[in-house]
Amino acid sequence: MNKTIEETKEYIGMWVTEDGYVRHELLPDNRYDEARGSRESAYQGRYIVSGNHIDYKDDTGFTADGEFKEGILYHGGMILYKEN
């Protein structure tokens, strides 16, 4: 049986859009740091992974979510791929 990304912790690391414009770094302490274009640390906050679902809450209170499917993160209309 396949394990969820929550169980494997394979979500930890850098996730990027194909063009590299958006970069989400999911840290092991359940914090994230998102860069957009040349703007480093554009958004920062906490995340919770449950199964293959991720919920974000940035430090300003904004919330968003996403799904991990077959090694790809679908979030806010974006598709992000894990960097090696």
PDB file of N, CA and C in Angstrom:
ATOM      1  N   MET A   1       0.834  -1.188   0.000  1.00  0.00           N
ATOM      2  CA  MET A   1       0.000   0.000   0.000  1.00  0.00           C
ATOM      3  C   MET A   1       0.881   1.255   0.000  1.00  0.00           C
ATOM      4  N   ASN A   2       0.471   2.260  -0.759  1.00  0.00           N
ATOM      5  CA  ASN A   2       1.221   3.511  -0.837  1.00  0.00           C
ATOM      6  C   ASN A   2       1.013   4.330   0.426  1.00  0.00           C
ATOM      7  N   LYS A   3       2.090   4.910   0.918  1.00  0.00           N
ATOM      8  CA  LYS A   3       2.010   5.791   2.076  1.00  0.00           C
ATOM      9  C   LYS A   3       1.676   7.197   1.613  1.00  0.00           C
ATOM     10  N   THR A   4       1.056   7.961   2.502  1.00  0.00           N
ATOM     11  CA  THR A   4       0.769   9.362   2.179  1.00  0.00           C
ATOM     12  C   THR A   4       2.058  10.171   2.296  1.00  0.00           C
ATOM     13  N   ILE A   5       2.043  11.335   1.701  1.00  0.00           N
ATOM     14  CA  ILE A   5       3.216  12.210   1.797  1.00  0.00           C
ATOM     15  C   ILE A   5       3.437  12.641   3.241  1.00  0.00           C
ATOM     16  N   GLU A   6       2.366  12.685   4.029  1.00  0.00           N
ATOM     17  CA  GLU A   6       2.491  13.011   5.454  1.00  0.00           C
ATOM     18  C   GLU A   6       3.328  11.942   6.158  1.00  0.00           C
ATOM     19  N   GLU A   7       3.081  10.684   5.828  1.00  0.00           N
ATOM     20  CA  GLU A   7       3.809   9.587   6.471  1.00  0.00           C
ATOM     21  C   GLU A   7       5.274   9.541   6.060  1.00  0.00           C
ATOM     22  N   THR A   8       5.546   9.818   4.792  1.00  0.00           N
ATOM     23  CA  THR A   8       6.918   9.721   4.287  1.00  0.00           C
ATOM     24  C   THR A   8       7.736  10.983   4.535  1.00  0.00           C
ATOM     25  N   LYS A   9       7.055  12.094   4.803  1.00  0.00           N
ATOM     26  CA  LYS A   9       7.696  13.402   4.998  1.00  0.00           C
ATOM     27  C   LYS A   9       8.436  13.882   3.739  1.00  0.00           C
ATOM     28  N   GLU A  10       8.061  13.343   2.581  1.00  0.00           N
ATOM     29  CA  GLU A  10       8.694  13.744   1.321  1.00  0.00           C
ATOM     30  C   GLU A  10       8.297  15.151   0.880  1.00  0.00           C
ATOM     31  N   TYR A  11       7.410  15.788   1.610  1.00  0.00           N
ATOM     32  CA  TYR A  11       7.024  17.159   1.279  1.00  0.00           C
ATOM     33  C   TYR A  11       8.085  18.161   1.704  1.00  0.00           C
ATOM     34  N   ILE A  12       8.944  17.797   2.660  1.00  0.00           N
ATOM     35  CA  ILE A  12       9.968  18.719   3.159  1.00  0.00           C
ATOM     36  C   ILE A  12      10.958  19.032   2.041  1.00  0.00           C
ATOM     37  N   GLY A  13      11.228  20.314   1.840  1.00  0.00           N
ATOM     38  CA  GLY A  13      12.181  20.732   0.812  1.00  0.00           C
ATOM     39  C   GLY A  13      11.620  21.869  -0.020  1.00  0.00           C
ATOM     40  N   MET A  14      12.253  22.114  -1.151  1.00  0.00           N
ATOM     41  CA  MET A  14      11.902  23.229  -2.030  1.00  0.00           C
ATOM     42  C   MET A  14      10.987  22.760  -3.158  1.00  0.00           C
ATOM     43  N   TRP A  15       9.888  23.471  -3.330  1.00  0.00           N
ATOM     44  CA  TRP A  15       8.920  23.223  -4.400  1.00  0.00           C
ATOM     45  C   TRP A  15       8.880  24.460  -5.283  1.00  0.00           C
ATOM     46  N   VAL A  16       8.953  24.272  -6.600  1.00  0.00           N
ATOM     47  CA  VAL A  16       9.026  25.409  -7.517  1.00  0.00           C
ATOM     48  C   VAL A  16       8.073  25.232  -8.692  1.00  0.00           C
ATOM     49  N   THR A  17       7.589  26.376  -9.203  1.00  0.00           N
ATOM     50  CA  THR A  17       6.813  26.331 -10.437  1.00  0.00           C
ATOM     51  C   THR A  17       7.780  26.049 -11.588  1.00  0.00           C
ATOM     52  N   GLU A  18       7.232  25.602 -12.702  1.00  0.00           N
ATOM     53  CA  GLU A  18       8.069  25.232 -13.841  1.00  0.00           C
ATOM     54  C   GLU A  18       8.983  26.372 -14.284  1.00  0.00           C
ATOM     55  N   ASP A  19       8.476  27.614 -14.213  1.00  0.00           N
ATOM     56  CA  ASP A  19       9.289  28.768 -14.623  1.00  0.00           C
ATOM     57  C   ASP A  19      10.196  29.286 -13.501  1.00  0.00           C
ATOM     58  N   GLY A  20      10.094  28.685 -12.305  1.00  0.00           N
ATOM     59  CA  GLY A  20      10.943  29.076 -11.190  1.00  0.00           C
ATOM     60  C   GLY A  20      10.520  30.361 -10.484  1.00  0.00           C
ATOM     61  N   TYR A  21       9.397  30.946 -10.908  1.00  0.00           N
ATOM     62  CA  TYR A  21       8.969  32.224 -10.336  1.00  0.00           C
ATOM     63  C   TYR A  21       8.533  32.101  -8.879  1.00  0.00           C
ATOM     64  N   VAL A  22       7.750  31.048  -8.577  1.00  0.00           N
ATOM     65  CA  VAL A  22       7.284  30.824  -7.208  1.00  0.00           C
ATOM     66  C   VAL A  22       8.064  29.663  -6.613  1.00  0.00           C
ATOM     67  N   ARG A  23       8.586  29.885  -5.416  1.00  0.00           N
ATOM     68  CA  ARG A  23       9.383  28.862  -4.723  1.00  0.00           C
ATOM     69  C   ARG A  23       8.898  28.748  -3.288  1.00  0.00           C
ATOM     70  N   HIS A  24       8.406  27.561  -2.939  1.00  0.00           N
ATOM     71  CA  HIS A  24       7.957  27.286  -1.565  1.00  0.00           C
ATOM     72  C   HIS A  24       8.991  26.400  -0.908  1.00  0.00           C
ATOM     73  N   GLU A  25       9.568  26.840   0.166  1.00  0.00           N
ATOM     74  CA  GLU A  25      10.441  25.962   0.942  1.00  0.00           C
ATOM     75  C   GLU A  25       9.658  25.503   2.163  1.00  0.00           C
ATOM     76  N   LEU A  26       9.367  24.203   2.200  1.00  0.00           N
ATOM     77  CA  LEU A  26       8.661  23.610   3.332  1.00  0.00           C
ATOM     78  C   LEU A  26       9.710  23.065   4.291  1.00  0.00           C
ATOM     79  N   LEU A  27       9.782  23.678   5.450  1.00  0.00           N
ATOM     80  CA  LEU A  27      10.813  23.358   6.437  1.00  0.00           C
ATOM     81  C   LEU A  27      10.335  22.257   7.385  1.00  0.00           C
ATOM     82  N   PRO A  28      11.263  21.519   7.993  1.00  0.00           N
ATOM     83  CA  PRO A  28      10.881  20.416   8.870  1.00  0.00           C
ATOM     84  C   PRO A  28      10.133  20.828  10.132  1.00  0.00           C
ATOM     85  N   ASP A  29      10.197  22.115  10.513  1.00  0.00           N
ATOM     86  CA  ASP A  29       9.521  22.576  11.722  1.00  0.00           C
ATOM     87  C   ASP A  29       8.110  23.106  11.446  1.00  0.00           C
ATOM     88  N   ASN A  30       7.536  22.703  10.307  1.00  0.00           N
ATOM     89  CA  ASN A  30       6.194  23.111   9.883  1.00  0.00           C
ATOM     90  C   ASN A  30       6.077  24.609   9.615  1.00  0.00           C
ATOM     91  N   ARG A  31       7.181  25.226   9.223  1.00  0.00           N
ATOM     92  CA  ARG A  31       7.191  26.602   8.739  1.00  0.00           C
ATOM     93  C   ARG A  31       7.483  26.561   7.244  1.00  0.00           C
ATOM     94  N   TYR A  32       7.034  27.594   6.538  1.00  0.00           N
ATOM     95  CA  TYR A  32       7.375  27.706   5.122  1.00  0.00           C
ATOM     96  C   TYR A  32       7.858  29.106   4.826  1.00  0.00           C
ATOM     97  N   ASP A  33       8.616  29.207   3.746  1.00  0.00           N
ATOM     98  CA  ASP A  33       9.139  30.476   3.263  1.00  0.00           C
ATOM     99  C   ASP A  33       8.906  30.484   1.756  1.00  0.00           C
ATOM    100  N   GLU A  34       8.115  31.424   1.273  1.00  0.00           N
ATOM    101  CA  GLU A  34       7.784  31.487  -0.149  1.00  0.00           C
ATOM    102  C   GLU A  34       8.442  32.692  -0.790  1.00  0.00           C
ATOM    103  N   ALA A  35       9.117  32.458  -1.890  1.00  0.00           N
ATOM    104  CA  ALA A  35       9.725  33.531  -2.685  1.00  0.00           C
ATOM    105  C   ALA A  35       8.930  33.663  -3.983  1.00  0.00           C
ATOM    106  N   ARG A  36       8.851  34.890  -4.477  1.00  0.00           N
ATOM    107  CA  ARG A  36       8.191  35.166  -5.757  1.00  0.00           C
ATOM    108  C   ARG A  36       9.091  36.065  -6.576  1.00  0.00           C
ATOM    109  N   GLY A  37       9.534  35.549  -7.718  1.00  0.00           N
ATOM    110  CA  GLY A  37      10.445  36.315  -8.553  1.00  0.00           C
ATOM    111  C   GLY A  37      11.707  36.644  -7.792  1.00  0.00           C
ATOM    112  N   SER A  38      12.097  37.909  -7.802  1.00  0.00           N
ATOM    113  CA  SER A  38      13.309  38.327  -7.089  1.00  0.00           C
ATOM    114  C   SER A  38      13.026  38.656  -5.625  1.00  0.00           C
ATOM    115  N   ARG A  39      11.774  38.525  -5.220  1.00  0.00           N
ATOM    116  CA  ARG A  39      11.372  38.861  -3.840  1.00  0.00           C
ATOM    117  C   ARG A  39      11.504  37.639  -2.934  1.00  0.00           C
ATOM    118  N   GLU A  40      12.613  37.569  -2.233  1.00  0.00           N
ATOM    119  CA  GLU A  40      12.834  36.476  -1.284  1.00  0.00           C
ATOM    120  C   GLU A  40      11.927  36.677  -0.071  1.00  0.00           C
ATOM    121  N   SER A  41      11.502  35.591   0.540  1.00  0.00           N
ATOM    122  CA  SER A  41      10.657  35.631   1.739  1.00  0.00           C
ATOM    123  C   SER A  41       9.442  36.549   1.562  1.00  0.00           C
ATOM    124  N   ALA A  42       8.787  36.429   0.391  1.00  0.00           N
ATOM    125  CA  ALA A  42       7.586  37.227   0.119  1.00  0.00           C
ATOM    126  C   ALA A  42       6.478  36.874   1.103  1.00  0.00           C
ATOM    127  N   TYR A  43       6.380  35.593   1.434  1.00  0.00           N
ATOM    128  CA  TYR A  43       5.386  35.111   2.395  1.00  0.00           C
ATOM    129  C   TYR A  43       6.037  34.081   3.292  1.00  0.00           C
ATOM    130  N   GLN A  44       5.695  34.130   4.556  1.00  0.00           N
ATOM    131  CA  GLN A  44       6.184  33.142   5.517  1.00  0.00           C
ATOM    132  C   GLN A  44       5.035  32.770   6.438  1.00  0.00           C
ATOM    133  N   GLY A  45       5.078  31.553   6.952  1.00  0.00           N
ATOM    134  CA  GLY A  45       4.034  31.137   7.864  1.00  0.00           C
ATOM    135  C   GLY A  45       4.186  29.688   8.258  1.00  0.00           C
ATOM    136  N   ARG A  46       3.058  29.100   8.668  1.00  0.00           N
ATOM    137  CA  ARG A  46       3.029  27.717   9.129  1.00  0.00           C
ATOM    138  C   ARG A  46       2.241  26.865   8.137  1.00  0.00           C
ATOM    139  N   TYR A  47       2.496  25.587   8.151  1.00  0.00           N
ATOM    140  CA  TYR A  47       1.716  24.655   7.341  1.00  0.00           C
ATOM    141  C   TYR A  47       1.472  23.385   8.143  1.00  0.00           C
ATOM    142  N   ILE A  48       0.403  22.686   7.757  1.00  0.00           N
ATOM    143  CA  ILE A  48       0.068  21.390   8.335  1.00  0.00           C
ATOM    144  C   ILE A  48      -0.235  20.450   7.178  1.00  0.00           C
ATOM    145  N   VAL A  49       0.395  19.278   7.183  1.00  0.00           N
ATOM    146  CA  VAL A  49       0.117  18.253   6.182  1.00  0.00           C
ATOM    147  C   VAL A  49      -0.739  17.183   6.837  1.00  0.00           C
ATOM    148  N   SER A  50      -1.825  16.820   6.159  1.00  0.00           N
ATOM    149  CA  SER A  50      -2.720  15.772   6.628  1.00  0.00           C
ATOM    150  C   SER A  50      -3.008  14.855   5.448  1.00  0.00           C
ATOM    151  N   GLY A  51      -2.442  13.643   5.493  1.00  0.00           N
ATOM    152  CA  GLY A  51      -2.559  12.751   4.340  1.00  0.00           C
ATOM    153  C   GLY A  51      -1.754  13.318   3.193  1.00  0.00           C
ATOM    154  N   ASN A  52      -2.423  13.688   2.095  1.00  0.00           N
ATOM    155  CA  ASN A  52      -1.775  14.331   0.954  1.00  0.00           C
ATOM    156  C   ASN A  52      -2.257  15.770   0.782  1.00  0.00           C
ATOM    157  N   HIS A  53      -2.862  16.317   1.823  1.00  0.00           N
ATOM    158  CA  HIS A  53      -3.404  17.681   1.796  1.00  0.00           C
ATOM    159  C   HIS A  53      -2.498  18.589   2.641  1.00  0.00           C
ATOM    160  N   ILE A  54      -2.334  19.835   2.186  1.00  0.00           N
ATOM    161  CA  ILE A  54      -1.554  20.807   2.946  1.00  0.00           C
ATOM    162  C   ILE A  54      -2.396  22.061   3.161  1.00  0.00           C
ATOM    163  N   ASP A  55      -2.385  22.561   4.391  1.00  0.00           N
ATOM    164  CA  ASP A  55      -3.026  23.827   4.748  1.00  0.00           C
ATOM    165  C   ASP A  55      -1.938  24.802   5.145  1.00  0.00           C
ATOM    166  N   TYR A  56      -2.020  26.016   4.584  1.00  0.00           N
ATOM    167  CA  TYR A  56      -1.069  27.083   4.876  1.00  0.00           C
ATOM    168  C   TYR A  56      -1.766  28.185   5.660  1.00  0.00           C
ATOM    169  N   LYS A  57      -1.038  28.814   6.578  1.00  0.00           N
ATOM    170  CA  LYS A  57      -1.495  30.039   7.218  1.00  0.00           C
ATOM    171  C   LYS A  57      -0.282  30.946   7.346  1.00  0.00           C
ATOM    172  N   ASP A  58      -0.299  32.038   6.559  1.00  0.00           N
ATOM    173  CA  ASP A  58       0.878  32.908   6.623  1.00  0.00           C
ATOM    174  C   ASP A  58       0.823  33.784   7.862  1.00  0.00           C
ATOM    175  N   ASP A  59       1.920  34.452   8.133  1.00  0.00           N
ATOM    176  CA  ASP A  59       2.056  35.216   9.365  1.00  0.00           C
ATOM    177  C   ASP A  59       1.117  36.418   9.440  1.00  0.00           C
ATOM    178  N   THR A  60       0.476  36.782   8.323  1.00  0.00           N
ATOM    179  CA  THR A  60      -0.509  37.867   8.338  1.00  0.00           C
ATOM    180  C   THR A  60      -1.920  37.344   8.571  1.00  0.00           C
ATOM    181  N   GLY A  61      -2.088  35.989   8.569  1.00  0.00           N
ATOM    182  CA  GLY A  61      -3.396  35.388   8.789  1.00  0.00           C
ATOM    183  C   GLY A  61      -4.054  34.846   7.540  1.00  0.00           C
ATOM    184  N   PHE A  62      -3.470  35.093   6.362  1.00  0.00           N
ATOM    185  CA  PHE A  62      -4.019  34.575   5.107  1.00  0.00           C
ATOM    186  C   PHE A  62      -3.903  33.053   5.085  1.00  0.00           C
ATOM    187  N   THR A  63      -4.938  32.376   4.602  1.00  0.00           N
ATOM    188  CA  THR A  63      -4.905  30.920   4.528  1.00  0.00           C
ATOM    189  C   THR A  63      -5.054  30.438   3.094  1.00  0.00           C
ATOM    190  N   ALA A  64      -4.493  29.275   2.823  1.00  0.00           N
ATOM    191  CA  ALA A  64      -4.585  28.629   1.519  1.00  0.00           C
ATOM    192  C   ALA A  64      -4.377  27.140   1.738  1.00  0.00           C
ATOM    193  N   ASP A  65      -4.596  26.370   0.685  1.00  0.00           N
ATOM    194  CA  ASP A  65      -4.361  24.936   0.810  1.00  0.00           C
ATOM    195  C   ASP A  65      -3.890  24.367  -0.512  1.00  0.00           C
ATOM    196  N   GLY A  66      -3.586  23.072  -0.500  1.00  0.00           N
ATOM    197  CA  GLY A  66      -3.121  22.399  -1.698  1.00  0.00           C
ATOM    198  C   GLY A  66      -3.179  20.897  -1.527  1.00  0.00           C
ATOM    199  N   GLU A  67      -2.852  20.200  -2.614  1.00  0.00           N
ATOM    200  CA  GLU A  67      -2.850  18.739  -2.635  1.00  0.00           C
ATOM    201  C   GLU A  67      -1.580  18.243  -3.295  1.00  0.00           C
ATOM    202  N   PHE A  68      -1.020  17.197  -2.723  1.00  0.00           N
ATOM    203  CA  PHE A  68       0.101  16.497  -3.333  1.00  0.00           C
ATOM    204  C   PHE A  68      -0.463  15.315  -4.109  1.00  0.00           C
ATOM    205  N   LYS A  69      -0.151  15.230  -5.410  1.00  0.00           N
ATOM    206  CA  LYS A  69      -0.600  14.118  -6.248  1.00  0.00           C
ATOM    207  C   LYS A  69       0.549  13.669  -7.112  1.00  0.00           C
ATOM    208  N   GLU A  70       0.951  12.417  -6.938  1.00  0.00           N
ATOM    209  CA  GLU A  70       2.001  11.807  -7.756  1.00  0.00           C
ATOM    210  C   GLU A  70       3.256  12.670  -7.815  1.00  0.00           C
ATOM    211  N   GLY A  71       3.680  13.173  -6.661  1.00  0.00           N
ATOM    212  CA  GLY A  71       4.926  13.924  -6.579  1.00  0.00           C
ATOM    213  C   GLY A  71       4.844  15.368  -7.026  1.00  0.00           C
ATOM    214  N   ILE A  72       3.634  15.885  -7.231  1.00  0.00           N
ATOM    215  CA  ILE A  72       3.428  17.266  -7.664  1.00  0.00           C
ATOM    216  C   ILE A  72       2.545  17.948  -6.631  1.00  0.00           C
ATOM    217  N   LEU A  73       2.824  19.224  -6.347  1.00  0.00           N
ATOM    218  CA  LEU A  73       2.021  20.012  -5.422  1.00  0.00           C
ATOM    219  C   LEU A  73       1.133  20.954  -6.224  1.00  0.00           C
ATOM    220  N   TYR A  74      -0.169  20.812  -6.042  1.00  0.00           N
ATOM    221  CA  TYR A  74      -1.160  21.684  -6.670  1.00  0.00           C
ATOM    222  C   TYR A  74      -1.630  22.665  -5.598  1.00  0.00           C
ATOM    223  N   HIS A  75      -1.365  23.950  -5.817  1.00  0.00           N
ATOM    224  CA  HIS A  75      -1.627  24.959  -4.785  1.00  0.00           C
ATOM    225  C   HIS A  75      -2.046  26.276  -5.430  1.00  0.00           C
ATOM    226  N   GLY A  76      -3.239  26.753  -5.100  1.00  0.00           N
ATOM    227  CA  GLY A  76      -3.688  28.074  -5.547  1.00  0.00           C
ATOM    228  C   GLY A  76      -3.629  28.273  -7.047  1.00  0.00           C
ATOM    229  N   GLY A  77      -3.987  27.260  -7.817  1.00  0.00           N
ATOM    230  CA  GLY A  77      -3.938  27.356  -9.273  1.00  0.00           C
ATOM    231  C   GLY A  77      -2.543  27.171  -9.851  1.00  0.00           C
ATOM    232  N   MET A  78      -1.566  26.914  -8.995  1.00  0.00           N
ATOM    233  CA  MET A  78      -0.191  26.705  -9.445  1.00  0.00           C
ATOM    234  C   MET A  78       0.161  25.222  -9.360  1.00  0.00           C
ATOM    235  N   ILE A  79       1.134  24.838 -10.154  1.00  0.00           N
ATOM    236  CA  ILE A  79       1.690  23.490 -10.110  1.00  0.00           C
ATOM    237  C   ILE A  79       3.156  23.628  -9.739  1.00  0.00           C
ATOM    238  N   LEU A  80       3.533  22.972  -8.633  1.00  0.00           N
ATOM    239  CA  LEU A  80       4.906  23.067  -8.144  1.00  0.00           C
ATOM    240  C   LEU A  80       5.546  21.688  -8.134  1.00  0.00           C
ATOM    241  N   TYR A  81       6.819  21.669  -8.489  1.00  0.00           N
ATOM    242  CA  TYR A  81       7.596  20.434  -8.561  1.00  0.00           C
ATOM    243  C   TYR A  81       8.705  20.481  -7.516  1.00  0.00           C
ATOM    244  N   LYS A  82       8.995  19.332  -6.943  1.00  0.00           N
ATOM    245  CA  LYS A  82      10.029  19.281  -5.906  1.00  0.00           C
ATOM    246  C   LYS A  82      11.396  19.343  -6.573  1.00  0.00           C
ATOM    247  N   GLU A  83      12.252  20.214  -6.034  1.00  0.00           N
ATOM    248  CA  GLU A  83      13.643  20.276  -6.494  1.00  0.00           C
ATOM    249  C   GLU A  83      14.428  19.121  -5.900  1.00  0.00           C
ATOM    250  N   ASN A  84      15.367  18.638  -6.647  1.00  0.00           N
ATOM    251  CA  ASN A  84      16.245  17.569  -6.137  1.00  0.00           C
ATOM    252  C   ASN A  84      17.419  18.142  -5.389  1.00  0.00           C
TER     253      ASN A  84
END
